[in-house]
Amino acid sequence: MKNKKIVRILMAASCFTFASVKVFELMSGSLQNRGRDLIVLALFLMLGSLYVYLFWRDRNSPGS
């Protein structure tokens, strides 16, 4: 389904965008919320990687 592929690409792009925003906040922010920001950064990176994996898995499947 083409719509599912577009959604996965957009979700991966948005996750990696939010992760880059968190990196910028970590570099310029205070030390007060550093632990929470690191957890959120890791979460966005994992979700983005999951969407990329799902996209590539569906793209390389024999049925598509």
N, C-alpha and C. Protein backbone atom coordinates (compact mmCIF):
# COMPACT_ATOMS: atom_id res chain seq x y z
N MET A 1 0.85 -1.17 0.00
CA MET A 1 0.00 0.00 0.00
C MET A 1 0.90 1.24 0.00
N LYS A 2 0.70 2.09 -0.97
CA LYS A 2 1.56 3.25 -1.13
C LYS A 2 1.37 4.25 0.01
N ASN A 3 0.16 4.41 0.49
CA ASN A 3 -0.11 5.37 1.56
C ASN A 3 0.67 5.01 2.82
N LYS A 4 0.79 3.72 3.12
CA LYS A 4 1.53 3.30 4.31
C LYS A 4 3.00 3.67 4.19
N LYS A 5 3.56 3.55 2.99
CA LYS A 5 4.96 3.89 2.78
C LYS A 5 5.20 5.38 2.97
N ILE A 6 4.28 6.20 2.46
CA ILE A 6 4.42 7.65 2.61
C ILE A 6 4.34 8.05 4.08
N VAL A 7 3.42 7.43 4.81
CA VAL A 7 3.28 7.73 6.23
C VAL A 7 4.54 7.33 6.99
N ARG A 8 5.12 6.18 6.66
CA ARG A 8 6.34 5.75 7.35
C ARG A 8 7.51 6.67 7.05
N ILE A 9 7.61 7.14 5.82
CA ILE A 9 8.68 8.08 5.48
C ILE A 9 8.51 9.38 6.24
N LEU A 10 7.28 9.89 6.29
CA LEU A 10 7.02 11.14 7.02
C LEU A 10 7.25 10.99 8.52
N MET A 11 6.87 9.85 9.08
CA MET A 11 7.08 9.62 10.51
C MET A 11 8.57 9.52 10.83
N ALA A 12 9.33 8.84 9.97
CA ALA A 12 10.77 8.73 10.19
C ALA A 12 11.42 10.10 10.11
N ALA A 13 11.02 10.89 9.12
CA ALA A 13 11.59 12.24 8.96
C ALA A 13 11.25 13.11 10.16
N SER A 14 10.02 13.03 10.65
CA SER A 14 9.65 13.85 11.80
C SER A 14 10.37 13.40 13.06
N CYS A 15 10.56 12.09 13.25
CA CYS A 15 11.29 11.60 14.42
C CYS A 15 12.73 12.07 14.40
N PHE A 16 13.38 11.99 13.24
CA PHE A 16 14.76 12.44 13.16
C PHE A 16 14.86 13.95 13.29
N THR A 17 13.84 14.69 12.83
CA THR A 17 13.83 16.14 13.01
C THR A 17 13.73 16.49 14.49
N PHE A 18 12.80 15.84 15.20
CA PHE A 18 12.67 16.10 16.63
C PHE A 18 13.93 15.68 17.39
N ALA A 19 14.58 14.62 16.95
CA ALA A 19 15.83 14.21 17.59
C ALA A 19 16.91 15.26 17.39
N SER A 20 16.97 15.85 16.20
CA SER A 20 17.98 16.90 15.97
C SER A 20 17.67 18.15 16.78
N VAL A 21 16.38 18.44 16.99
CA VAL A 21 16.01 19.57 17.85
C VAL A 21 16.45 19.29 19.29
N LYS A 22 16.28 18.06 19.74
CA LYS A 22 16.70 17.71 21.10
C LYS A 22 18.22 17.81 21.25
N VAL A 23 18.97 17.42 20.21
CA VAL A 23 20.43 17.57 20.27
C VAL A 23 20.79 19.04 20.40
N PHE A 24 20.12 19.89 19.64
CA PHE A 24 20.38 21.32 19.74
C PHE A 24 20.05 21.84 21.14
N GLU A 25 18.94 21.39 21.71
CA GLU A 25 18.57 21.81 23.06
C GLU A 25 19.60 21.31 24.08
N LEU A 26 20.10 20.10 23.90
CA LEU A 26 21.11 19.58 24.81
C LEU A 26 22.40 20.39 24.74
N MET A 27 22.77 20.81 23.54
CA MET A 27 24.01 21.56 23.37
C MET A 27 23.91 22.97 23.94
N SER A 28 22.73 23.56 23.89
CA SER A 28 22.61 24.95 24.32
C SER A 28 21.79 25.13 25.60
N GLY A 29 21.21 24.06 26.11
CA GLY A 29 20.33 24.17 27.26
C GLY A 29 21.03 24.04 28.59
N SER A 30 20.21 24.11 29.63
CA SER A 30 20.74 23.98 30.98
C SER A 30 20.92 22.50 31.33
N LEU A 31 21.60 22.26 32.40
CA LEU A 31 21.85 20.89 32.86
C LEU A 31 20.68 20.32 33.65
N GLN A 32 19.69 21.13 33.90
CA GLN A 32 18.60 20.73 34.78
C GLN A 32 17.76 19.59 34.19
N ASN A 33 17.48 19.63 32.90
CA ASN A 33 16.62 18.62 32.28
C ASN A 33 17.40 17.70 31.35
N ARG A 34 18.67 17.56 31.57
CA ARG A 34 19.51 16.80 30.64
C ARG A 34 19.12 15.32 30.58
N GLY A 35 18.80 14.71 31.70
CA GLY A 35 18.44 13.29 31.70
C GLY A 35 17.16 13.03 30.93
N ARG A 36 16.16 13.88 31.14
CA ARG A 36 14.90 13.74 30.41
C ARG A 36 15.10 13.96 28.92
N ASP A 37 15.91 14.95 28.56
CA ASP A 37 16.18 15.23 27.15
C ASP A 37 16.92 14.08 26.49
N LEU A 38 17.83 13.44 27.20
CA LEU A 38 18.54 12.28 26.64
C LEU A 38 17.60 11.10 26.41
N ILE A 39 16.65 10.91 27.31
CA ILE A 39 15.67 9.83 27.15
C ILE A 39 14.78 10.10 25.94
N VAL A 40 14.32 11.34 25.80
CA VAL A 40 13.47 11.71 24.67
C VAL A 40 14.26 11.60 23.37
N LEU A 41 15.52 12.00 23.38
CA LEU A 41 16.37 11.88 22.20
C LEU A 41 16.51 10.42 21.78
N ALA A 42 16.77 9.54 22.73
CA ALA A 42 16.90 8.12 22.42
C ALA A 42 15.59 7.55 21.90
N LEU A 43 14.47 7.98 22.47
CA LEU A 43 13.17 7.52 22.01
C LEU A 43 12.91 7.92 20.56
N PHE A 44 13.19 9.18 20.22
CA PHE A 44 12.98 9.63 18.84
C PHE A 44 13.91 8.91 17.87
N LEU A 45 15.14 8.65 18.28
CA LEU A 45 16.06 7.92 17.40
C LEU A 45 15.60 6.49 17.18
N MET A 46 15.12 5.83 18.23
CA MET A 46 14.64 4.46 18.09
C MET A 46 13.38 4.40 17.21
N LEU A 47 12.46 5.33 17.42
CA LEU A 47 11.25 5.33 16.61
C LEU A 47 11.56 5.63 15.14
N GLY A 48 12.45 6.58 14.89
CA GLY A 48 12.84 6.88 13.52
C GLY A 48 13.50 5.69 12.85
N SER A 49 14.36 5.00 13.58
CA SER A 49 15.01 3.81 13.04
C SER A 49 14.00 2.70 12.78
N LEU A 50 13.01 2.57 13.64
CA LEU A 50 11.97 1.57 13.44
C LEU A 50 11.19 1.85 12.17
N TYR A 51 10.81 3.10 11.95
CA TYR A 51 10.07 3.44 10.73
C TYR A 51 10.90 3.23 9.48
N VAL A 52 12.19 3.53 9.54
CA VAL A 52 13.06 3.27 8.39
C VAL A 52 13.15 1.78 8.14
N TYR A 53 13.30 0.99 9.19
CA TYR A 53 13.36 -0.47 9.05
C TYR A 53 12.07 -1.01 8.44
N LEU A 54 10.92 -0.55 8.93
CA LEU A 54 9.65 -1.02 8.39
C LEU A 54 9.48 -0.63 6.93
N PHE A 55 9.94 0.55 6.58
CA PHE A 55 9.86 0.99 5.19
C PHE A 55 10.72 0.10 4.30
N TRP A 56 11.96 -0.15 4.70
CA TRP A 56 12.85 -0.96 3.88
C TRP A 56 12.41 -2.42 3.84
N ARG A 57 11.84 -2.92 4.92
CA ARG A 57 11.37 -4.31 4.94
C ARG A 57 10.22 -4.50 3.96
N ASP A 58 9.26 -3.56 3.93
CA ASP A 58 8.15 -3.65 3.01
C ASP A 58 8.60 -3.41 1.57
N ARG A 59 9.59 -2.57 1.41
CA ARG A 59 10.08 -2.27 0.06
C ARG A 59 10.79 -3.47 -0.55
N ASN A 60 11.50 -4.23 0.27
CA ASN A 60 12.27 -5.36 -0.23
C ASN A 60 11.53 -6.69 -0.17
N SER A 61 10.26 -6.66 0.28
CA SER A 61 9.52 -7.92 0.35
C SER A 61 9.14 -8.38 -1.06
N PRO A 62 9.07 -9.68 -1.29
CA PRO A 62 8.79 -10.19 -2.64
C PRO A 62 7.40 -9.87 -3.16
N GLY A 63 6.44 -9.62 -2.28
CA GLY A 63 5.08 -9.36 -2.71
C GLY A 63 4.83 -7.96 -3.22
N SER A 64 5.75 -7.02 -2.98
CA SER A 64 5.48 -5.64 -3.37
C SER A 64 6.11 -5.29 -4.69
